[in-house]
């Protein structure tokens, strides 16, 4: 089984801001907003409790990041996957 953990910055998005700047400088194309979501795919037979433990204690800094299991952030952004 594959489990998906998504991590997103709570307050600022330095990588997204940097990407916007690079795209504008290199391509002269203005991007209104970029959301960066780090994605971890964990393969193995783990319980929901084990995946939540990984999510909260290993992959996410709770002070500056939000984390979700599954496709939560992408769904909120109305991402259509192609």
N, C-alpha and C. Protein backbone atom coordinates (compact mmCIF):
# COMPACT_ATOMS: atom_id res chain seq x y z
N UNK A 1 0.84 -1.17 0.00
CA UNK A 1 0.00 0.00 0.00
C UNK A 1 0.89 1.25 0.00
N UNK A 2 0.44 2.29 -0.68
CA UNK A 2 1.16 3.56 -0.72
C UNK A 2 0.34 4.62 0.01
N UNK A 3 0.97 5.31 0.93
CA UNK A 3 0.34 6.38 1.70
C UNK A 3 0.94 7.71 1.25
N UNK A 4 0.10 8.71 1.12
CA UNK A 4 0.53 10.03 0.64
C UNK A 4 0.44 11.02 1.80
N UNK A 5 1.55 11.74 2.04
CA UNK A 5 1.60 12.79 3.04
C UNK A 5 1.96 14.09 2.33
N UNK A 6 1.13 15.12 2.51
CA UNK A 6 1.37 16.43 1.91
C UNK A 6 1.80 17.41 3.01
N UNK A 7 2.80 18.25 2.68
CA UNK A 7 3.29 19.27 3.61
C UNK A 7 3.26 20.61 2.89
N UNK A 8 2.74 21.64 3.56
CA UNK A 8 2.63 22.98 2.96
C UNK A 8 2.97 24.02 4.02
N UNK A 9 3.64 25.09 3.61
CA UNK A 9 3.97 26.19 4.52
C UNK A 9 2.69 26.88 5.00
N UNK A 10 2.66 27.28 6.26
CA UNK A 10 1.50 27.97 6.83
C UNK A 10 1.47 29.45 6.44
N UNK A 11 2.59 30.12 6.57
CA UNK A 11 2.59 31.57 6.50
C UNK A 11 3.17 32.11 5.21
N UNK A 12 4.41 31.83 4.97
CA UNK A 12 5.03 32.34 3.75
C UNK A 12 5.44 31.17 2.87
N UNK A 13 5.77 31.48 1.65
CA UNK A 13 6.08 30.45 0.68
C UNK A 13 7.35 30.88 -0.07
N UNK A 14 8.53 30.79 0.58
CA UNK A 14 9.74 31.30 -0.05
C UNK A 14 10.08 30.61 -1.37
N UNK A 15 9.85 29.32 -1.47
CA UNK A 15 10.14 28.62 -2.73
C UNK A 15 9.21 29.10 -3.83
N UNK A 16 7.93 29.25 -3.52
CA UNK A 16 6.97 29.75 -4.51
C UNK A 16 7.30 31.16 -4.96
N UNK A 17 7.68 32.03 -4.01
CA UNK A 17 8.05 33.40 -4.36
C UNK A 17 9.30 33.42 -5.24
N UNK A 18 10.26 32.57 -4.93
CA UNK A 18 11.47 32.49 -5.75
C UNK A 18 11.16 31.98 -7.16
N UNK A 19 10.29 30.99 -7.27
CA UNK A 19 9.89 30.48 -8.58
C UNK A 19 9.19 31.55 -9.40
N UNK A 20 8.31 32.33 -8.77
CA UNK A 20 7.63 33.42 -9.47
C UNK A 20 8.64 34.41 -10.03
N UNK A 21 9.64 34.74 -9.22
CA UNK A 21 10.67 35.69 -9.64
C UNK A 21 11.48 35.14 -10.82
N UNK A 22 11.89 33.88 -10.73
CA UNK A 22 12.68 33.27 -11.81
C UNK A 22 11.88 33.20 -13.10
N UNK A 23 10.61 32.80 -13.01
CA UNK A 23 9.77 32.71 -14.20
C UNK A 23 9.61 34.08 -14.86
N UNK A 24 9.43 35.11 -14.02
CA UNK A 24 9.27 36.45 -14.58
C UNK A 24 10.57 36.93 -15.23
N UNK A 25 11.70 36.72 -14.54
CA UNK A 25 12.98 37.18 -15.07
C UNK A 25 13.40 36.42 -16.33
N UNK A 26 13.17 35.12 -16.35
CA UNK A 26 13.62 34.29 -17.48
C UNK A 26 12.65 34.29 -18.65
N UNK A 27 11.36 34.34 -18.36
CA UNK A 27 10.35 34.18 -19.41
C UNK A 27 9.46 35.40 -19.59
N UNK A 28 9.64 36.40 -18.73
CA UNK A 28 8.81 37.60 -18.75
C UNK A 28 7.32 37.23 -18.65
N UNK A 29 7.04 36.26 -17.79
CA UNK A 29 5.69 35.75 -17.59
C UNK A 29 5.33 35.96 -16.13
N UNK A 30 4.30 36.75 -15.87
CA UNK A 30 3.91 37.06 -14.50
C UNK A 30 2.95 36.00 -13.96
N UNK A 31 3.32 35.40 -12.85
CA UNK A 31 2.51 34.40 -12.16
C UNK A 31 1.88 35.07 -10.94
N UNK A 32 0.57 34.93 -10.79
CA UNK A 32 -0.12 35.55 -9.66
C UNK A 32 0.23 34.87 -8.35
N UNK A 33 0.21 33.54 -8.33
CA UNK A 33 0.48 32.82 -7.09
C UNK A 33 0.94 31.40 -7.41
N UNK A 34 1.87 30.92 -6.62
CA UNK A 34 2.32 29.53 -6.72
C UNK A 34 2.23 28.92 -5.33
N UNK A 35 1.60 27.78 -5.23
CA UNK A 35 1.55 27.04 -3.97
C UNK A 35 2.45 25.82 -4.12
N UNK A 36 3.38 25.68 -3.19
CA UNK A 36 4.30 24.55 -3.21
C UNK A 36 3.84 23.56 -2.14
N UNK A 37 3.63 22.33 -2.57
CA UNK A 37 3.23 21.26 -1.65
C UNK A 37 4.29 20.17 -1.75
N UNK A 38 4.96 19.89 -0.65
CA UNK A 38 5.90 18.78 -0.63
C UNK A 38 5.11 17.49 -0.44
N UNK A 39 5.48 16.51 -1.20
CA UNK A 39 4.74 15.25 -1.22
C UNK A 39 5.66 14.10 -0.86
N UNK A 40 5.20 13.26 0.04
CA UNK A 40 5.94 12.06 0.43
C UNK A 40 5.03 10.86 0.19
N UNK A 41 5.52 9.89 -0.55
CA UNK A 41 4.81 8.64 -0.77
C UNK A 41 5.50 7.56 0.05
N UNK A 42 4.79 6.99 0.98
CA UNK A 42 5.34 6.00 1.90
C UNK A 42 4.78 4.63 1.51
N UNK A 43 5.65 3.76 1.05
CA UNK A 43 5.21 2.44 0.60
C UNK A 43 5.41 1.43 1.73
N UNK A 44 4.38 0.66 2.02
CA UNK A 44 4.46 -0.37 3.05
C UNK A 44 3.12 -0.55 3.73
N UNK A 45 3.03 -1.59 4.48
CA UNK A 45 1.81 -1.90 5.22
C UNK A 45 1.89 -1.28 6.62
N UNK A 46 1.43 -0.03 6.72
CA UNK A 46 1.46 0.70 7.98
C UNK A 46 0.04 1.00 8.42
N UNK A 47 -0.15 1.06 9.72
CA UNK A 47 -1.47 1.43 10.23
C UNK A 47 -1.67 2.93 10.06
N UNK A 48 -2.91 3.35 10.17
CA UNK A 48 -3.22 4.78 10.08
C UNK A 48 -2.48 5.55 11.18
N UNK A 49 -2.40 4.96 12.36
CA UNK A 49 -1.71 5.58 13.48
C UNK A 49 -0.21 5.76 13.18
N UNK A 50 0.41 4.77 12.56
CA UNK A 50 1.83 4.87 12.20
C UNK A 50 2.06 5.97 11.16
N UNK A 51 1.18 6.06 10.19
CA UNK A 51 1.31 7.10 9.16
C UNK A 51 1.13 8.49 9.78
N UNK A 52 0.16 8.63 10.69
CA UNK A 52 -0.05 9.91 11.37
C UNK A 52 1.17 10.29 12.21
N UNK A 53 1.80 9.31 12.82
CA UNK A 53 3.00 9.56 13.61
C UNK A 53 4.13 10.08 12.71
N UNK A 54 4.31 9.45 11.55
CA UNK A 54 5.31 9.92 10.59
C UNK A 54 4.99 11.35 10.13
N UNK A 55 3.72 11.56 9.80
CA UNK A 55 3.27 12.87 9.31
C UNK A 55 3.59 13.97 10.32
N UNK A 56 3.20 13.78 11.56
CA UNK A 56 3.31 14.82 12.58
C UNK A 56 4.71 14.94 13.19
N UNK A 57 5.46 13.84 13.28
CA UNK A 57 6.73 13.85 14.01
C UNK A 57 7.98 13.83 13.14
N UNK A 58 7.84 13.48 11.88
CA UNK A 58 9.03 13.37 11.03
C UNK A 58 9.01 14.37 9.88
N UNK A 59 7.92 14.45 9.16
CA UNK A 59 7.88 15.23 7.93
C UNK A 59 7.47 16.69 8.12
N UNK A 60 6.79 17.00 9.18
CA UNK A 60 6.19 18.33 9.34
C UNK A 60 6.77 19.08 10.53
N UNK A 61 7.09 20.36 10.31
CA UNK A 61 7.43 21.27 11.40
C UNK A 61 6.14 21.99 11.77
N UNK A 62 5.51 21.63 12.88
CA UNK A 62 4.18 22.16 13.20
C UNK A 62 4.14 23.67 13.41
N UNK A 63 5.27 24.30 13.64
CA UNK A 63 5.30 25.75 13.83
C UNK A 63 5.08 26.47 12.49
N UNK A 64 5.70 25.96 11.43
CA UNK A 64 5.67 26.68 10.15
C UNK A 64 4.96 25.93 9.03
N UNK A 65 4.54 24.70 9.27
CA UNK A 65 3.95 23.89 8.19
C UNK A 65 2.64 23.24 8.63
N UNK A 66 1.83 22.95 7.63
CA UNK A 66 0.61 22.14 7.81
C UNK A 66 0.85 20.81 7.12
N UNK A 67 0.24 19.77 7.61
CA UNK A 67 0.38 18.46 6.96
C UNK A 67 -0.97 17.79 6.85
N UNK A 68 -1.08 16.98 5.82
CA UNK A 68 -2.32 16.22 5.60
C UNK A 68 -1.97 14.87 5.00
N UNK A 69 -2.82 13.92 5.25
CA UNK A 69 -2.68 12.60 4.63
C UNK A 69 -3.66 12.55 3.47
N UNK A 70 -3.19 12.15 2.31
CA UNK A 70 -4.03 12.05 1.12
C UNK A 70 -3.84 13.25 0.21
N UNK A 71 -4.87 13.61 -0.52
CA UNK A 71 -4.83 14.67 -1.53
C UNK A 71 -5.50 15.95 -1.04
N UNK A 72 -5.48 16.23 0.22
CA UNK A 72 -6.25 17.34 0.81
C UNK A 72 -5.91 18.70 0.25
N UNK A 73 -4.65 19.10 0.26
CA UNK A 73 -4.29 20.44 -0.20
C UNK A 73 -4.58 20.60 -1.68
N UNK A 74 -4.25 19.60 -2.46
CA UNK A 74 -4.49 19.67 -3.91
C UNK A 74 -5.99 19.81 -4.18
N UNK A 75 -6.84 19.12 -3.46
CA UNK A 75 -8.29 19.23 -3.65
C UNK A 75 -8.78 20.62 -3.30
N UNK A 76 -8.24 21.22 -2.23
CA UNK A 76 -8.65 22.56 -1.84
C UNK A 76 -8.32 23.59 -2.90
N UNK A 77 -7.25 23.35 -3.66
CA UNK A 77 -6.81 24.28 -4.69
C UNK A 77 -7.50 24.03 -6.02
N UNK A 78 -8.45 23.11 -6.08
CA UNK A 78 -9.16 22.75 -7.30
C UNK A 78 -8.21 22.31 -8.40
N UNK A 79 -7.18 21.62 -8.03
CA UNK A 79 -6.21 21.11 -9.00
C UNK A 79 -6.84 19.96 -9.76
N UNK A 80 -6.73 19.98 -11.10
CA UNK A 80 -7.42 18.97 -11.89
C UNK A 80 -6.52 17.85 -12.39
N UNK A 81 -5.27 17.82 -11.98
CA UNK A 81 -4.31 16.75 -12.31
C UNK A 81 -4.15 16.57 -13.81
N UNK A 82 -4.21 17.64 -14.56
CA UNK A 82 -3.90 17.51 -15.99
C UNK A 82 -4.97 18.06 -16.81
